[in-house]
mmCIF file of all heavy atoms, coordinates in Angstrom:
data_MODEL
# 
_entry.id   MODEL 
# 
loop_
_atom_site.group_PDB 
_atom_site.id 
_atom_site.type_symbol 
_atom_site.label_atom_id 
_atom_site.label_alt_id 
_atom_site.label_comp_id 
_atom_site.label_asym_id 
_atom_site.label_entity_id 
_atom_site.label_seq_id 
_atom_site.pdbx_PDB_ins_code 
_atom_site.Cartn_x 
_atom_site.Cartn_y 
_atom_site.Cartn_z 
_atom_site.occupancy 
_atom_site.B_iso_or_equiv 
_atom_site.pdbx_formal_charge 
_atom_site.auth_seq_id 
_atom_site.auth_comp_id 
_atom_site.auth_asym_id 
_atom_site.auth_atom_id 
_atom_site.pdbx_PDB_model_num 
ATOM 1   N N   . MET A 1 1  ? -8.621  -1.328 -3.542  1.00 0.00 ? 1  MET A N   1 
ATOM 2   C CA  . MET A 1 1  ? -10.026 -1.577 -3.253  1.00 0.00 ? 1  MET A CA  1 
ATOM 3   C C   . MET A 1 1  ? -10.848 -1.235 -4.490  1.00 0.00 ? 1  MET A C   1 
ATOM 4   O O   . MET A 1 1  ? -10.526 -0.281 -5.211  1.00 0.00 ? 1  MET A O   1 
ATOM 5   C CB  . MET A 1 1  ? -10.469 -0.716 -2.066  1.00 0.00 ? 1  MET A CB  1 
ATOM 6   C CG  . MET A 1 1  ? -11.925 -0.864 -1.682  1.00 0.00 ? 1  MET A CG  1 
ATOM 7   S SD  . MET A 1 1  ? -12.345 0.208  -0.269  1.00 0.00 ? 1  MET A SD  1 
ATOM 8   C CE  . MET A 1 1  ? -11.395 -0.600 1.019   1.00 0.00 ? 1  MET A CE  1 
ATOM 9   N N   . PRO A 1 2  ? -11.936 -1.988 -4.778  1.00 0.00 ? 2  PRO A N   1 
ATOM 10  C CA  . PRO A 1 2  ? -12.815 -1.597 -5.884  1.00 0.00 ? 2  PRO A CA  1 
ATOM 11  C C   . PRO A 1 2  ? -13.364 -0.195 -5.678  1.00 0.00 ? 2  PRO A C   1 
ATOM 12  O O   . PRO A 1 2  ? -13.643 0.213  -4.546  1.00 0.00 ? 2  PRO A O   1 
ATOM 13  C CB  . PRO A 1 2  ? -13.938 -2.641 -5.826  1.00 0.00 ? 2  PRO A CB  1 
ATOM 14  C CG  . PRO A 1 2  ? -13.345 -3.826 -5.129  1.00 0.00 ? 2  PRO A CG  1 
ATOM 15  C CD  . PRO A 1 2  ? -12.368 -3.255 -4.147  1.00 0.00 ? 2  PRO A CD  1 
ATOM 16  N N   . ALA A 1 3  ? -13.504 0.559  -6.760  1.00 0.00 ? 3  ALA A N   1 
ATOM 17  C CA  . ALA A 1 3  ? -13.976 1.941  -6.652  1.00 0.00 ? 3  ALA A CA  1 
ATOM 18  C C   . ALA A 1 3  ? -15.401 2.023  -6.114  1.00 0.00 ? 3  ALA A C   1 
ATOM 19  O O   . ALA A 1 3  ? -15.815 3.088  -5.633  1.00 0.00 ? 3  ALA A O   1 
ATOM 20  C CB  . ALA A 1 3  ? -13.905 2.621  -8.021  1.00 0.00 ? 3  ALA A CB  1 
ATOM 21  N N   . ASP A 1 4  ? -16.154 0.936  -6.181  1.00 0.00 ? 4  ASP A N   1 
ATOM 22  C CA  . ASP A 1 4  ? -17.501 0.906  -5.612  1.00 0.00 ? 4  ASP A CA  1 
ATOM 23  C C   . ASP A 1 4  ? -17.513 0.434  -4.163  1.00 0.00 ? 4  ASP A C   1 
ATOM 24  O O   . ASP A 1 4  ? -18.576 0.338  -3.551  1.00 0.00 ? 4  ASP A O   1 
ATOM 25  C CB  . ASP A 1 4  ? -18.401 -0.020 -6.445  1.00 0.00 ? 4  ASP A CB  1 
ATOM 26  C CG  . ASP A 1 4  ? -18.658 0.538  -7.830  1.00 0.00 ? 4  ASP A CG  1 
ATOM 27  O OD1 . ASP A 1 4  ? -18.758 1.785  -7.954  1.00 0.00 ? 4  ASP A OD1 1 
ATOM 28  O OD2 . ASP A 1 4  ? -18.738 -0.242 -8.785  1.00 0.00 ? 4  ASP A OD2 1 
ATOM 29  N N   . GLY A 1 5  ? -16.337 0.128  -3.621  1.00 0.00 ? 5  GLY A N   1 
ATOM 30  C CA  . GLY A 1 5  ? -16.247 -0.379 -2.257  1.00 0.00 ? 5  GLY A CA  1 
ATOM 31  C C   . GLY A 1 5  ? -16.147 -1.888 -2.246  1.00 0.00 ? 5  GLY A C   1 
ATOM 32  O O   . GLY A 1 5  ? -16.430 -2.565 -3.238  1.00 0.00 ? 5  GLY A O   1 
ATOM 33  N N   . GLY A 1 6  ? -15.749 -2.425 -1.137  1.00 0.00 ? 6  GLY A N   1 
ATOM 34  C CA  . GLY A 1 6  ? -15.601 -3.872 -1.013  1.00 0.00 ? 6  GLY A CA  1 
ATOM 35  C C   . GLY A 1 6  ? -14.348 -4.219 -0.240  1.00 0.00 ? 6  GLY A C   1 
ATOM 36  O O   . GLY A 1 6  ? -13.789 -3.388 0.478   1.00 0.00 ? 6  GLY A O   1 
ATOM 37  N N   . ALA A 1 7  ? -13.924 -5.468 -0.401  1.00 0.00 ? 7  ALA A N   1 
ATOM 38  C CA  . ALA A 1 7  ? -12.771 -5.949 0.347   1.00 0.00 ? 7  ALA A CA  1 
ATOM 39  C C   . ALA A 1 7  ? -11.483 -5.312 -0.178  1.00 0.00 ? 7  ALA A C   1 
ATOM 40  O O   . ALA A 1 7  ? -11.290 -5.161 -1.384  1.00 0.00 ? 7  ALA A O   1 
ATOM 41  C CB  . ALA A 1 7  ? -12.681 -7.467 0.250   1.00 0.00 ? 7  ALA A CB  1 
ATOM 42  N N   . ALA A 1 8  ? -10.609 -4.919 0.745   1.00 0.00 ? 8  ALA A N   1 
ATOM 43  C CA  . ALA A 1 8  ? -9.321  -4.336 0.386   1.00 0.00 ? 8  ALA A CA  1 
ATOM 44  C C   . ALA A 1 8  ? -8.272  -5.443 0.253   1.00 0.00 ? 8  ALA A C   1 
ATOM 45  O O   . ALA A 1 8  ? -8.332  -6.463 0.943   1.00 0.00 ? 8  ALA A O   1 
ATOM 46  C CB  . ALA A 1 8  ? -8.897  -3.314 1.426   1.00 0.00 ? 8  ALA A CB  1 
ATOM 47  N N   . ARG A 1 9  ? -7.315  -5.200 -0.614  1.00 0.00 ? 9  ARG A N   1 
ATOM 48  C CA  . ARG A 1 9  ? -6.198  -6.125 -0.799  1.00 0.00 ? 9  ARG A CA  1 
ATOM 49  C C   . ARG A 1 9  ? -4.892  -5.388 -0.499  1.00 0.00 ? 9  ARG A C   1 
ATOM 50  O O   . ARG A 1 9  ? -4.609  -4.358 -1.110  1.00 0.00 ? 9  ARG A O   1 
ATOM 51  C CB  . ARG A 1 9  ? -6.192  -6.653 -2.239  1.00 0.00 ? 9  ARG A CB  1 
ATOM 52  C CG  . ARG A 1 9  ? -5.024  -7.566 -2.577  1.00 0.00 ? 9  ARG A CG  1 
ATOM 53  C CD  . ARG A 1 9  ? -5.224  -8.215 -3.929  1.00 0.00 ? 9  ARG A CD  1 
ATOM 54  N NE  . ARG A 1 9  ? -5.060  -7.294 -5.039  1.00 0.00 ? 9  ARG A NE  1 
ATOM 55  C CZ  . ARG A 1 9  ? -3.981  -7.232 -5.833  1.00 0.00 ? 9  ARG A CZ  1 
ATOM 56  N NH1 . ARG A 1 9  ? -2.966  -8.062 -5.625  1.00 0.00 ? 9  ARG A NH1 1 
ATOM 57  N NH2 . ARG A 1 9  ? -3.922  -6.379 -6.824  1.00 0.00 ? 9  ARG A NH2 1 
ATOM 58  N N   . GLN A 1 10 ? -4.130  -5.906 0.467   1.00 0.00 ? 10 GLN A N   1 
ATOM 59  C CA  . GLN A 1 10 ? -2.858  -5.272 0.795   1.00 0.00 ? 10 GLN A CA  1 
ATOM 60  C C   . GLN A 1 10 ? -1.863  -5.527 -0.338  1.00 0.00 ? 10 GLN A C   1 
ATOM 61  O O   . GLN A 1 10 ? -1.683  -6.662 -0.787  1.00 0.00 ? 10 GLN A O   1 
ATOM 62  C CB  . GLN A 1 10 ? -2.310  -5.835 2.106   1.00 0.00 ? 10 GLN A CB  1 
ATOM 63  C CG  . GLN A 1 10 ? -1.138  -5.066 2.676   1.00 0.00 ? 10 GLN A CG  1 
ATOM 64  C CD  . GLN A 1 10 ? -1.523  -3.697 3.220   1.00 0.00 ? 10 GLN A CD  1 
ATOM 65  O OE1 . GLN A 1 10 ? -2.644  -3.499 3.667   1.00 0.00 ? 10 GLN A OE1 1 
ATOM 66  N NE2 . GLN A 1 10 ? -0.584  -2.754 3.176   1.00 0.00 ? 10 GLN A NE2 1 
ATOM 67  N N   . LEU A 1 11 ? -1.220  -4.461 -0.804  1.00 0.00 ? 11 LEU A N   1 
ATOM 68  C CA  . LEU A 1 11 ? -0.284  -4.567 -1.921  1.00 0.00 ? 11 LEU A CA  1 
ATOM 69  C C   . LEU A 1 11 ? 1.169   -4.530 -1.481  1.00 0.00 ? 11 LEU A C   1 
ATOM 70  O O   . LEU A 1 11 ? 1.990   -5.281 -2.009  1.00 0.00 ? 11 LEU A O   1 
ATOM 71  C CB  . LEU A 1 11 ? -0.530  -3.432 -2.926  1.00 0.00 ? 11 LEU A CB  1 
ATOM 72  C CG  . LEU A 1 11 ? -1.898  -3.378 -3.588  1.00 0.00 ? 11 LEU A CG  1 
ATOM 73  C CD1 . LEU A 1 11 ? -1.993  -2.138 -4.483  1.00 0.00 ? 11 LEU A CD1 1 
ATOM 74  C CD2 . LEU A 1 11 ? -2.139  -4.633 -4.409  1.00 0.00 ? 11 LEU A CD2 1 
ATOM 75  N N   . THR A 1 12 ? 1.496   -3.641 -0.552  1.00 0.00 ? 12 THR A N   1 
ATOM 76  C CA  . THR A 1 12 ? 2.884   -3.503 -0.113  1.00 0.00 ? 12 THR A CA  1 
ATOM 77  C C   . THR A 1 12 ? 2.961   -3.349 1.398   1.00 0.00 ? 12 THR A C   1 
ATOM 78  O O   . THR A 1 12 ? 2.004   -2.909 2.041   1.00 0.00 ? 12 THR A O   1 
ATOM 79  C CB  . THR A 1 12 ? 3.565   -2.272 -0.754  1.00 0.00 ? 12 THR A CB  1 
ATOM 80  O OG1 . THR A 1 12 ? 2.966   -1.076 -0.235  1.00 0.00 ? 12 THR A OG1 1 
ATOM 81  C CG2 . THR A 1 12 ? 3.447   -2.292 -2.267  1.00 0.00 ? 12 THR A CG2 1 
ATOM 82  N N   . THR A 1 13 ? 4.112   -3.698 1.919   1.00 0.00 ? 13 THR A N   1 
ATOM 83  C CA  . THR A 1 13 ? 4.446   -3.474 3.326   1.00 0.00 ? 13 THR A CA  1 
ATOM 84  C C   . THR A 1 13 ? 5.850   -2.901 3.378   1.00 0.00 ? 13 THR A C   1 
ATOM 85  O O   . THR A 1 13 ? 6.764   -3.468 2.774   1.00 0.00 ? 13 THR A O   1 
ATOM 86  C CB  . THR A 1 13 ? 4.392   -4.784 4.132   1.00 0.00 ? 13 THR A CB  1 
ATOM 87  O OG1 . THR A 1 13 ? 3.073   -5.329 4.056   1.00 0.00 ? 13 THR A OG1 1 
ATOM 88  C CG2 . THR A 1 13 ? 4.747   -4.531 5.590   1.00 0.00 ? 13 THR A CG2 1 
ATOM 89  N N   . PRO A 1 14 ? 6.052   -1.771 4.047   1.00 0.00 ? 14 PRO A N   1 
ATOM 90  C CA  . PRO A 1 14 ? 7.392   -1.199 4.110   1.00 0.00 ? 14 PRO A CA  1 
ATOM 91  C C   . PRO A 1 14 ? 8.412   -2.185 4.669   1.00 0.00 ? 14 PRO A C   1 
ATOM 92  O O   . PRO A 1 14 ? 8.135   -2.897 5.646   1.00 0.00 ? 14 PRO A O   1 
ATOM 93  C CB  . PRO A 1 14 ? 7.218   0.004  5.040   1.00 0.00 ? 14 PRO A CB  1 
ATOM 94  C CG  . PRO A 1 14 ? 5.772   0.371  4.915   1.00 0.00 ? 14 PRO A CG  1 
ATOM 95  C CD  . PRO A 1 14 ? 5.050   -0.914 4.724   1.00 0.00 ? 14 PRO A CD  1 
ATOM 96  N N   . ASP A 1 15 ? 9.586   -2.219 4.036   1.00 0.00 ? 15 ASP A N   1 
ATOM 97  C CA  . ASP A 1 15 ? 10.656  -3.124 4.433   1.00 0.00 ? 15 ASP A CA  1 
ATOM 98  C C   . ASP A 1 15 ? 11.526  -2.419 5.477   1.00 0.00 ? 15 ASP A C   1 
ATOM 99  O O   . ASP A 1 15 ? 12.417  -1.632 5.146   1.00 0.00 ? 15 ASP A O   1 
ATOM 100 C CB  . ASP A 1 15 ? 11.495  -3.506 3.203   1.00 0.00 ? 15 ASP A CB  1 
ATOM 101 C CG  . ASP A 1 15 ? 12.528  -4.585 3.507   1.00 0.00 ? 15 ASP A CG  1 
ATOM 102 O OD1 . ASP A 1 15 ? 12.782  -4.851 4.702   1.00 0.00 ? 15 ASP A OD1 1 
ATOM 103 O OD2 . ASP A 1 15 ? 13.098  -5.146 2.553   1.00 0.00 ? 15 ASP A OD2 1 
ATOM 104 N N   . ALA A 1 16 ? 11.272  -2.726 6.740   1.00 0.00 ? 16 ALA A N   1 
ATOM 105 C CA  . ALA A 1 16 ? 11.988  -2.046 7.825   1.00 0.00 ? 16 ALA A CA  1 
ATOM 106 C C   . ALA A 1 16 ? 13.486  -2.317 7.759   1.00 0.00 ? 16 ALA A C   1 
ATOM 107 O O   . ALA A 1 16 ? 14.297  -1.461 8.128   1.00 0.00 ? 16 ALA A O   1 
ATOM 108 C CB  . ALA A 1 16 ? 11.434  -2.487 9.177   1.00 0.00 ? 16 ALA A CB  1 
ATOM 109 N N   . ALA A 1 17 ? 13.882  -3.496 7.290   1.00 0.00 ? 17 ALA A N   1 
ATOM 110 C CA  . ALA A 1 17 ? 15.300  -3.828 7.202   1.00 0.00 ? 17 ALA A CA  1 
ATOM 111 C C   . ALA A 1 17 ? 16.033  -2.927 6.222   1.00 0.00 ? 17 ALA A C   1 
ATOM 112 O O   . ALA A 1 17 ? 17.241  -2.728 6.332   1.00 0.00 ? 17 ALA A O   1 
ATOM 113 C CB  . ALA A 1 17 ? 15.473  -5.291 6.799   1.00 0.00 ? 17 ALA A CB  1 
ATOM 114 N N   . GLN A 1 18 ? 15.311  -2.361 5.242   1.00 0.00 ? 18 GLN A N   1 
ATOM 115 C CA  . GLN A 1 18 ? 15.887  -1.440 4.275   1.00 0.00 ? 18 GLN A CA  1 
ATOM 116 C C   . GLN A 1 18 ? 15.652  0.022  4.650   1.00 0.00 ? 18 GLN A C   1 
ATOM 117 O O   . GLN A 1 18 ? 15.883  0.921  3.839   1.00 0.00 ? 18 GLN A O   1 
ATOM 118 C CB  . GLN A 1 18 ? 15.299  -1.717 2.884   1.00 0.00 ? 18 GLN A CB  1 
ATOM 119 C CG  . GLN A 1 18 ? 15.597  -3.108 2.347   1.00 0.00 ? 18 GLN A CG  1 
ATOM 120 C CD  . GLN A 1 18 ? 17.094  -3.344 2.191   1.00 0.00 ? 18 GLN A CD  1 
ATOM 121 O OE1 . GLN A 1 18 ? 17.816  -2.481 1.698   1.00 0.00 ? 18 GLN A OE1 1 
ATOM 122 N NE2 . GLN A 1 18 ? 17.544  -4.528 2.594   1.00 0.00 ? 18 GLN A NE2 1 
ATOM 123 N N   . GLY A 1 19 ? 15.160  0.252  5.870   1.00 0.00 ? 19 GLY A N   1 
ATOM 124 C CA  . GLY A 1 19 ? 14.930  1.612  6.330   1.00 0.00 ? 19 GLY A CA  1 
ATOM 125 C C   . GLY A 1 19 ? 13.627  2.217  5.856   1.00 0.00 ? 19 GLY A C   1 
ATOM 126 O O   . GLY A 1 19 ? 13.404  3.426  6.019   1.00 0.00 ? 19 GLY A O   1 
ATOM 127 N N   . GLU A 1 20 ? 12.725  1.404  5.275   1.00 0.00 ? 20 GLU A N   1 
ATOM 128 C CA  . GLU A 1 20 ? 11.452  1.925  4.786   1.00 0.00 ? 20 GLU A CA  1 
ATOM 129 C C   . GLU A 1 20 ? 10.475  2.113  5.952   1.00 0.00 ? 20 GLU A C   1 
ATOM 130 O O   . GLU A 1 20 ? 10.350  1.250  6.813   1.00 0.00 ? 20 GLU A O   1 
ATOM 131 C CB  . GLU A 1 20 ? 10.851  0.974  3.755   1.00 0.00 ? 20 GLU A CB  1 
ATOM 132 C CG  . GLU A 1 20 ? 11.712  0.818  2.512   1.00 0.00 ? 20 GLU A CG  1 
ATOM 133 C CD  . GLU A 1 20 ? 11.077  -0.090 1.461   1.00 0.00 ? 20 GLU A CD  1 
ATOM 134 O OE1 . GLU A 1 20 ? 9.901   -0.487 1.652   1.00 0.00 ? 20 GLU A OE1 1 
ATOM 135 O OE2 . GLU A 1 20 ? 11.745  -0.382 0.467   1.00 0.00 ? 20 GLU A OE2 1 
ATOM 136 N N   . ARG A 1 21 ? 9.765   3.240  5.928   1.00 0.00 ? 21 ARG A N   1 
ATOM 137 C CA  . ARG A 1 21 ? 8.821   3.544  6.990   1.00 0.00 ? 21 ARG A CA  1 
ATOM 138 C C   . ARG A 1 21 ? 7.381   3.604  6.492   1.00 0.00 ? 21 ARG A C   1 
ATOM 139 O O   . ARG A 1 21 ? 6.451   3.236  7.195   1.00 0.00 ? 21 ARG A O   1 
ATOM 140 C CB  . ARG A 1 21 ? 9.179   4.883  7.645   1.00 0.00 ? 21 ARG A CB  1 
ATOM 141 C CG  . ARG A 1 21 ? 10.593  5.000  8.121   1.00 0.00 ? 21 ARG A CG  1 
ATOM 142 C CD  . ARG A 1 21 ? 10.781  4.389  9.463   1.00 0.00 ? 21 ARG A CD  1 
ATOM 143 N NE  . ARG A 1 21 ? 9.947   5.022  10.474  1.00 0.00 ? 21 ARG A NE  1 
ATOM 144 C CZ  . ARG A 1 21 ? 10.187  4.967  11.771  1.00 0.00 ? 21 ARG A CZ  1 
ATOM 145 N NH1 . ARG A 1 21 ? 11.242  4.335  12.211  1.00 0.00 ? 21 ARG A NH1 1 
ATOM 146 N NH2 . ARG A 1 21 ? 9.388   5.539  12.643  1.00 0.00 ? 21 ARG A NH2 1 
ATOM 147 N N   . GLY A 1 22 ? 7.167   4.136  5.282   1.00 0.00 ? 22 GLY A N   1 
ATOM 148 C CA  . GLY A 1 22 ? 5.814   4.261  4.749   1.00 0.00 ? 22 GLY A CA  1 
ATOM 149 C C   . GLY A 1 22 ? 5.824   4.351  3.239   1.00 0.00 ? 22 GLY A C   1 
ATOM 150 O O   . GLY A 1 22 ? 6.831   4.739  2.631   1.00 0.00 ? 22 GLY A O   1 
ATOM 151 N N   . HIS A 1 23 ? 4.711   3.972  2.618   1.00 0.00 ? 23 HIS A N   1 
ATOM 152 C CA  . HIS A 1 23 ? 4.532   4.052  1.171   1.00 0.00 ? 23 HIS A CA  1 
ATOM 153 C C   . HIS A 1 23 ? 3.416   5.052  0.882   1.00 0.00 ? 23 HIS A C   1 
ATOM 154 O O   . HIS A 1 23 ? 2.287   4.871  1.321   1.00 0.00 ? 23 HIS A O   1 
ATOM 155 C CB  . HIS A 1 23 ? 4.192   2.673  0.596   1.00 0.00 ? 23 HIS A CB  1 
ATOM 156 C CG  . HIS A 1 23 ? 5.322   1.698  0.699   1.00 0.00 ? 23 HIS A CG  1 
ATOM 157 N ND1 . HIS A 1 23 ? 5.163   0.337  0.501   1.00 0.00 ? 23 HIS A ND1 1 
ATOM 158 C CD2 . HIS A 1 23 ? 6.643   1.890  0.983   1.00 0.00 ? 23 HIS A CD2 1 
ATOM 159 C CE1 . HIS A 1 23 ? 6.336   -0.264 0.654   1.00 0.00 ? 23 HIS A CE1 1 
ATOM 160 N NE2 . HIS A 1 23 ? 7.244   0.660  0.956   1.00 0.00 ? 23 HIS A NE2 1 
ATOM 161 N N   . TRP A 1 24 ? 3.744   6.120  0.139   1.00 0.00 ? 24 TRP A N   1 
ATOM 162 C CA  . TRP A 1 24 ? 2.860   7.272  -0.040  1.00 0.00 ? 24 TRP A CA  1 
ATOM 163 C C   . TRP A 1 24 ? 2.629   7.586  -1.511  1.00 0.00 ? 24 TRP A C   1 
ATOM 164 O O   . TRP A 1 24 ? 3.334   7.131  -2.391  1.00 0.00 ? 24 TRP A O   1 
ATOM 165 C CB  . TRP A 1 24 ? 3.462   8.509  0.606   1.00 0.00 ? 24 TRP A CB  1 
ATOM 166 C CG  . TRP A 1 24 ? 3.728   8.446  2.068   1.00 0.00 ? 24 TRP A CG  1 
ATOM 167 C CD1 . TRP A 1 24 ? 3.378   7.467  2.953   1.00 0.00 ? 24 TRP A CD1 1 
ATOM 168 C CD2 . TRP A 1 24 ? 4.428   9.437  2.835   1.00 0.00 ? 24 TRP A CD2 1 
ATOM 169 N NE1 . TRP A 1 24 ? 3.794   7.788  4.212   1.00 0.00 ? 24 TRP A NE1 1 
ATOM 170 C CE2 . TRP A 1 24 ? 4.452   8.991  4.174   1.00 0.00 ? 24 TRP A CE2 1 
ATOM 171 C CE3 . TRP A 1 24 ? 5.022   10.650 2.531   1.00 0.00 ? 24 TRP A CE3 1 
ATOM 172 C CZ2 . TRP A 1 24 ? 5.062   9.719  5.196   1.00 0.00 ? 24 TRP A CZ2 1 
ATOM 173 C CZ3 . TRP A 1 24 ? 5.617   11.382 3.550   1.00 0.00 ? 24 TRP A CZ3 1 
ATOM 174 C CH2 . TRP A 1 24 ? 5.636   10.910 4.856   1.00 0.00 ? 24 TRP A CH2 1 
ATOM 175 N N   . TRP A 1 25 ? 1.651   8.460  -1.751  1.00 0.00 ? 25 TRP A N   1 
ATOM 176 C CA  . TRP A 1 25 ? 1.388   9.109  -3.039  1.00 0.00 ? 25 TRP A CA  1 
ATOM 177 C C   . TRP A 1 25 ? 1.412   8.143  -4.236  1.00 0.00 ? 25 TRP A C   1 
ATOM 178 O O   . TRP A 1 25 ? 2.188   8.330  -5.180  1.00 0.00 ? 25 TRP A O   1 
ATOM 179 C CB  . TRP A 1 25 ? 2.381   10.255 -3.272  1.00 0.00 ? 25 TRP A CB  1 
ATOM 180 C CG  . TRP A 1 25 ? 2.209   11.409 -2.346  1.00 0.00 ? 25 TRP A CG  1 
ATOM 181 C CD1 . TRP A 1 25 ? 1.047   12.017 -1.974  1.00 0.00 ? 25 TRP A CD1 1 
ATOM 182 C CD2 . TRP A 1 25 ? 3.253   12.102 -1.638  1.00 0.00 ? 25 TRP A CD2 1 
ATOM 183 N NE1 . TRP A 1 25 ? 1.299   13.048 -1.100  1.00 0.00 ? 25 TRP A NE1 1 
ATOM 184 C CE2 . TRP A 1 25 ? 2.638   13.129 -0.874  1.00 0.00 ? 25 TRP A CE2 1 
ATOM 185 C CE3 . TRP A 1 25 ? 4.634   11.972 -1.605  1.00 0.00 ? 25 TRP A CE3 1 
ATOM 186 C CZ2 . TRP A 1 25 ? 3.368   13.996 -0.082  1.00 0.00 ? 25 TRP A CZ2 1 
ATOM 187 C CZ3 . TRP A 1 25 ? 5.351   12.835 -0.802  1.00 0.00 ? 25 TRP A CZ3 1 
ATOM 188 C CH2 . TRP A 1 25 ? 4.728   13.828 -0.059  1.00 0.00 ? 25 TRP A CH2 1 
ATOM 189 N N   . PRO A 1 26 ? 0.570   7.122  -4.234  1.00 0.00 ? 26 PRO A N   1 
ATOM 190 C CA  . PRO A 1 26 ? 0.551   6.212  -5.389  1.00 0.00 ? 26 PRO A CA  1 
ATOM 191 C C   . PRO A 1 26 ? -0.009  6.899  -6.637  1.00 0.00 ? 26 PRO A C   1 
ATOM 192 O O   . PRO A 1 26 ? -0.866  7.784  -6.539  1.00 0.00 ? 26 PRO A O   1 
ATOM 193 C CB  . PRO A 1 26 ? -0.364  5.084  -4.917  1.00 0.00 ? 26 PRO A CB  1 
ATOM 194 C CG  . PRO A 1 26 ? -1.272  5.733  -3.905  1.00 0.00 ? 26 PRO A CG  1 
ATOM 195 C CD  . PRO A 1 26 ? -0.423  6.758  -3.214  1.00 0.00 ? 26 PRO A CD  1 
ATOM 196 N N   . GLN A 1 27 ? 0.485   6.499  -7.809  1.00 0.00 ? 27 GLN A N   1 
ATOM 197 C CA  . GLN A 1 27 ? 0.001   6.991  -9.101  1.00 0.00 ? 27 GLN A CA  1 
ATOM 198 C C   . GLN A 1 27 ? -0.023  5.824  -10.089 1.00 0.00 ? 27 GLN A C   1 
ATOM 199 O O   . GLN A 1 27 ? 1.015   5.203  -10.351 1.00 0.00 ? 27 GLN A O   1 
ATOM 200 C CB  . GLN A 1 27 ? 0.917   8.095  -9.648  1.00 0.00 ? 27 GLN A CB  1 
ATOM 201 C CG  . GLN A 1 27 ? 0.873   9.396  -8.878  1.00 0.00 ? 27 GLN A CG  1 
ATOM 202 C CD  . GLN A 1 27 ? -0.396  10.189 -9.176  1.00 0.00 ? 27 GLN A CD  1 
ATOM 203 O OE1 . GLN A 1 27 ? -0.915  10.155 -10.287 1.00 0.00 ? 27 GLN A OE1 1 
ATOM 204 N NE2 . GLN A 1 27 ? -0.873  10.912 -8.173  1.00 0.00 ? 27 GLN A NE2 1 
ATOM 205 N N   . PHE A 1 28 ? -1.221  5.509  -10.630 1.00 0.00 ? 28 PHE A N   1 
ATOM 206 C CA  . PHE A 1 28 ? -1.305  4.462  -11.651 1.00 0.00 ? 28 PHE A CA  1 
ATOM 207 C C   . PHE A 1 28 ? -0.532  4.885  -12.893 1.00 0.00 ? 28 PHE A C   1 
ATOM 208 O O   . PHE A 1 28 ? -0.590  6.054  -13.322 1.00 0.00 ? 28 PHE A O   1 
ATOM 209 C CB  . PHE A 1 28 ? -2.764  4.209  -12.042 1.00 0.00 ? 28 PHE A CB  1 
ATOM 210 C CG  . PHE A 1 28 ? -3.409  3.087  -11.270 1.00 0.00 ? 28 PHE A CG  1 
ATOM 211 C CD1 . PHE A 1 28 ? -4.362  3.358  -10.298 1.00 0.00 ? 28 PHE A CD1 1 
ATOM 212 C CD2 . PHE A 1 28 ? -3.074  1.770  -11.530 1.00 0.00 ? 28 PHE A CD2 1 
ATOM 213 C CE1 . PHE A 1 28 ? -4.962  2.336  -9.591  1.00 0.00 ? 28 PHE A CE1 1 
ATOM 214 C CE2 . PHE A 1 28 ? -3.670  0.732  -10.832 1.00 0.00 ? 28 PHE A CE2 1 
ATOM 215 C CZ  . PHE A 1 28 ? -4.616  1.016  -9.860  1.00 0.00 ? 28 PHE A CZ  1 
# 
C-alpha cells in the first residue's frame, strides 16, 4: 500500500498445497 494510504495490492497468497499457512515479517 502507498505510505500515504490508498488502494492495497495483494502480493502473495500462502500455497496450501505446500503446507504454507501465513506470510509474516516482511523486510525490504
